[in-house]
Amino acid sequence: FASCGDLKVSSGAMEFASNASWLNGTNVTVCGTGTLRLNASKTLGRKSVVRVDGSGVISIANGCTQRIRTLFVGETEIAPGTYTKANAPEVLKPHLADTTGVLAVTGDGIVLIVR
């Protein structure tokens, strides 16, 4: 299914099943002690603005890629790029789970991923 509206995870864990999505959502916030678990590629919309703060964690399943438009850690905007826990900017590392999932921040441009 594709949901719309904003999504905020501030405590506990929200886990998307492999067939679920939030494609029409625009603002996704993971804060406090919340964990957002994304178990498939294309769970979030590629136009999504994601904010992570506090002890919030984003967990992207091994082998999956999530494309979003903009990413903020607190007030810091993360430059467009393709990030895993291993190569993420230091400010972002504490907010990514220990998986091989990829978070692709596109900015306002278009990113083509060829596999």
C-alpha atoms as a PDB file:
ATOM      1  CA  PHE A   1       0.000   0.000   0.000  1.00  0.00           C
ATOM      2  CA  ALA A   2       1.088   3.583  -0.406  1.00  0.00           C
ATOM      3  CA  SER A   3       0.292   5.949   2.440  1.00  0.00           C
ATOM      4  CA  CYS A   4       0.432   9.703   2.540  1.00  0.00           C
ATOM      5  CA  GLY A   5       1.089  12.315   5.144  1.00  0.00           C
ATOM      6  CA  ASP A   6       3.848  12.699   7.679  1.00  0.00           C
ATOM      7  CA  LEU A   7       5.478   9.925   9.686  1.00  0.00           C
ATOM      8  CA  LYS A   8       7.116  10.392  13.094  1.00  0.00           C
ATOM      9  CA  VAL A   9       8.799   7.657  15.133  1.00  0.00           C
ATOM     10  CA  SER A  10       9.810   9.049  18.543  1.00  0.00           C
ATOM     11  CA  SER A  11      10.016   5.899  20.664  1.00  0.00           C
ATOM     12  CA  GLY A  12       9.943   2.180  20.128  1.00  0.00           C
ATOM     13  CA  ALA A  13      10.342   0.707  16.671  1.00  0.00           C
ATOM     14  CA  MET A  14       8.236   0.969  13.548  1.00  0.00           C
ATOM     15  CA  GLU A  15       8.931  -1.784  11.082  1.00  0.00           C
ATOM     16  CA  PHE A  16       7.706  -1.812   7.506  1.00  0.00           C
ATOM     17  CA  ALA A  17       6.963  -5.227   6.061  1.00  0.00           C
ATOM     18  CA  SER A  18       8.645  -6.077   2.770  1.00  0.00           C
ATOM     19  CA  ASN A  19       5.489  -5.182   0.813  1.00  0.00           C
ATOM     20  CA  ALA A  20       4.624  -1.940   2.642  1.00  0.00           C
ATOM     21  CA  SER A  21       5.510   1.606   1.636  1.00  0.00           C
ATOM     22  CA  TRP A  22       5.141   5.252   2.555  1.00  0.00           C
ATOM     23  CA  LEU A  23       5.641   6.513  -0.992  1.00  0.00           C
ATOM     24  CA  ASN A  24       3.470   9.619  -0.850  1.00  0.00           C
ATOM     25  CA  GLY A  25       4.734  10.806   2.506  1.00  0.00           C
ATOM     26  CA  THR A  26       6.783  13.956   2.498  1.00  0.00           C
ATOM     27  CA  ASN A  27       8.165  14.375   6.010  1.00  0.00           C
ATOM     28  CA  VAL A  28       9.669  11.485   7.956  1.00  0.00           C
ATOM     29  CA  THR A  29      11.080  12.127  11.438  1.00  0.00           C
ATOM     30  CA  VAL A  30      12.981   9.603  13.549  1.00  0.00           C
ATOM     31  CA  CYS A  31      13.817  11.083  16.933  1.00  0.00           C
ATOM     32  CA  GLY A  32      14.008  10.418  20.650  1.00  0.00           C
ATOM     33  CA  THR A  33      14.635   6.693  21.054  1.00  0.00           C
ATOM     34  CA  GLY A  34      12.727   5.705  17.919  1.00  0.00           C
ATOM     35  CA  THR A  35      13.863   3.199  15.312  1.00  0.00           C
ATOM     36  CA  LEU A  36      12.532   3.065  11.759  1.00  0.00           C
ATOM     37  CA  ARG A  37      13.114  -0.333  10.120  1.00  0.00           C
ATOM     38  CA  LEU A  38      12.861  -0.428   6.332  1.00  0.00           C
ATOM     39  CA  ASN A  39      12.800  -3.989   5.020  1.00  0.00           C
ATOM     40  CA  ALA A  40      12.660  -3.375   1.268  1.00  0.00           C
ATOM     41  CA  SER A  41      13.854  -0.941  -1.348  1.00  0.00           C
ATOM     42  CA  LYS A  42      11.445   1.870  -2.257  1.00  0.00           C
ATOM     43  CA  THR A  43       9.686   1.947   1.110  1.00  0.00           C
ATOM     44  CA  LEU A  44       9.933   5.730   1.345  1.00  0.00           C
ATOM     45  CA  GLY A  45       9.135   8.142  -1.453  1.00  0.00           C
ATOM     46  CA  ARG A  46      12.097   9.564  -3.348  1.00  0.00           C
ATOM     47  CA  LYS A  47      10.770  13.072  -2.622  1.00  0.00           C
ATOM     48  CA  SER A  48      10.750  12.466   1.132  1.00  0.00           C
ATOM     49  CA  VAL A  49      12.476  14.793   3.575  1.00  0.00           C
ATOM     50  CA  VAL A  50      13.906  12.719   6.431  1.00  0.00           C
ATOM     51  CA  ARG A  51      14.989  14.161   9.770  1.00  0.00           C
ATOM     52  CA  VAL A  52      16.803  12.157  12.420  1.00  0.00           C
ATOM     53  CA  ASP A  53      17.655  13.476  15.867  1.00  0.00           C
ATOM     54  CA  GLY A  54      18.266  12.415  19.446  1.00  0.00           C
ATOM     55  CA  SER A  55      19.015   8.691  19.555  1.00  0.00           C
ATOM     56  CA  GLY A  56      16.823   7.936  16.540  1.00  0.00           C
ATOM     57  CA  VAL A  57      17.988   5.132  14.251  1.00  0.00           C
ATOM     58  CA  ILE A  58      17.222   4.234  10.650  1.00  0.00           C
ATOM     59  CA  SER A  59      17.711   0.567   9.826  1.00  0.00           C
ATOM     60  CA  ILE A  60      17.741  -0.406   6.154  1.00  0.00           C
ATOM     61  CA  ALA A  61      17.752  -4.141   5.480  1.00  0.00           C
ATOM     62  CA  ASN A  62      20.846  -5.729   3.972  1.00  0.00           C
ATOM     63  CA  GLY A  63      20.941  -5.303   0.209  1.00  0.00           C
ATOM     64  CA  CYS A  64      18.172  -2.674   0.089  1.00  0.00           C
ATOM     65  CA  THR A  65      18.408   0.912  -1.174  1.00  0.00           C
ATOM     66  CA  GLN A  66      16.220   3.768   0.058  1.00  0.00           C
ATOM     67  CA  ARG A  67      16.151   6.915  -2.081  1.00  0.00           C
ATOM     68  CA  ILE A  68      15.093  10.164  -0.442  1.00  0.00           C
ATOM     69  CA  ARG A  69      15.395  13.792  -1.484  1.00  0.00           C
ATOM     70  CA  THR A  70      16.773  15.453   1.648  1.00  0.00           C
ATOM     71  CA  LEU A  71      18.280  14.268   4.931  1.00  0.00           C
ATOM     72  CA  PHE A  72      18.834  16.276   8.105  1.00  0.00           C
ATOM     73  CA  VAL A  73      20.644  15.168  11.246  1.00  0.00           C
ATOM     74  CA  GLY A  74      19.443  17.687  13.789  1.00  0.00           C
ATOM     75  CA  GLU A  75      19.854  20.993  11.966  1.00  0.00           C
ATOM     76  CA  THR A  76      22.656  19.716   9.717  1.00  0.00           C
ATOM     77  CA  GLU A  77      21.709  18.947   6.126  1.00  0.00           C
ATOM     78  CA  ILE A  78      23.584  15.941   4.762  1.00  0.00           C
ATOM     79  CA  ALA A  79      25.042  16.425   1.300  1.00  0.00           C
ATOM     80  CA  PRO A  80      23.614  14.290  -1.518  1.00  0.00           C
ATOM     81  CA  GLY A  81      25.348  10.955  -1.762  1.00  0.00           C
ATOM     82  CA  THR A  82      24.987   7.227  -1.250  1.00  0.00           C
ATOM     83  CA  TYR A  83      25.609   6.190   2.335  1.00  0.00           C
ATOM     84  CA  THR A  84      26.019   3.044   4.369  1.00  0.00           C
ATOM     85  CA  LYS A  85      27.071   2.892   8.016  1.00  0.00           C
ATOM     86  CA  ALA A  86      30.671   2.398   6.843  1.00  0.00           C
ATOM     87  CA  ASN A  87      30.981   5.505   4.647  1.00  0.00           C
ATOM     88  CA  ALA A  88      28.451   7.889   6.241  1.00  0.00           C
ATOM     89  CA  PRO A  89      29.500  11.314   7.527  1.00  0.00           C
ATOM     90  CA  GLU A  90      30.418  11.123  11.233  1.00  0.00           C
ATOM     91  CA  VAL A  91      27.302  13.052  12.274  1.00  0.00           C
ATOM     92  CA  LEU A  92      25.113  10.455  10.523  1.00  0.00           C
ATOM     93  CA  LYS A  93      26.865   7.227  11.621  1.00  0.00           C
ATOM     94  CA  PRO A  94      25.204   6.942  15.048  1.00  0.00           C
ATOM     95  CA  HIS A  95      21.800   7.089  13.353  1.00  0.00           C
ATOM     96  CA  LEU A  96      22.350   4.214  10.898  1.00  0.00           C
ATOM     97  CA  ALA A  97      21.987   0.617  12.033  1.00  0.00           C
ATOM     98  CA  ASP A  98      24.751  -1.931  11.420  1.00  0.00           C
ATOM     99  CA  THR A  99      23.430  -3.236   8.101  1.00  0.00           C
ATOM    100  CA  THR A 100      24.590  -3.095   4.502  1.00  0.00           C
ATOM    101  CA  GLY A 101      21.473  -1.190   3.475  1.00  0.00           C
ATOM    102  CA  VAL A 102      22.059   1.975   1.429  1.00  0.00           C
ATOM    103  CA  LEU A 103      20.547   5.418   1.991  1.00  0.00           C
ATOM    104  CA  ALA A 104      20.705   7.427  -1.244  1.00  0.00           C
ATOM    105  CA  VAL A 105      20.203  11.171  -0.696  1.00  0.00           C
ATOM    106  CA  THR A 106      19.428  12.715  -4.066  1.00  0.00           C
ATOM    107  CA  GLY A 107      18.992  16.408  -3.294  1.00  0.00           C
ATOM    108  CA  ASP A 108      16.962  18.155  -5.972  1.00  0.00           C
ATOM    109  CA  GLY A 109      18.743  16.338  -8.774  1.00  0.00           C
ATOM    110  CA  ILE A 110      17.995  13.007 -10.385  1.00  0.00           C
ATOM    111  CA  VAL A 111      19.966   9.927  -9.451  1.00  0.00           C
ATOM    112  CA  LEU A 112      20.174   6.924 -11.732  1.00  0.00           C
ATOM    113  CA  ILE A 113      21.218   3.692 -10.062  1.00  0.00           C
ATOM    114  CA  VAL A 114      22.247   0.961 -12.493  1.00  0.00           C
ATOM    115  CA  ARG A 115      22.721  -2.552 -11.134  1.00  0.00           C
END
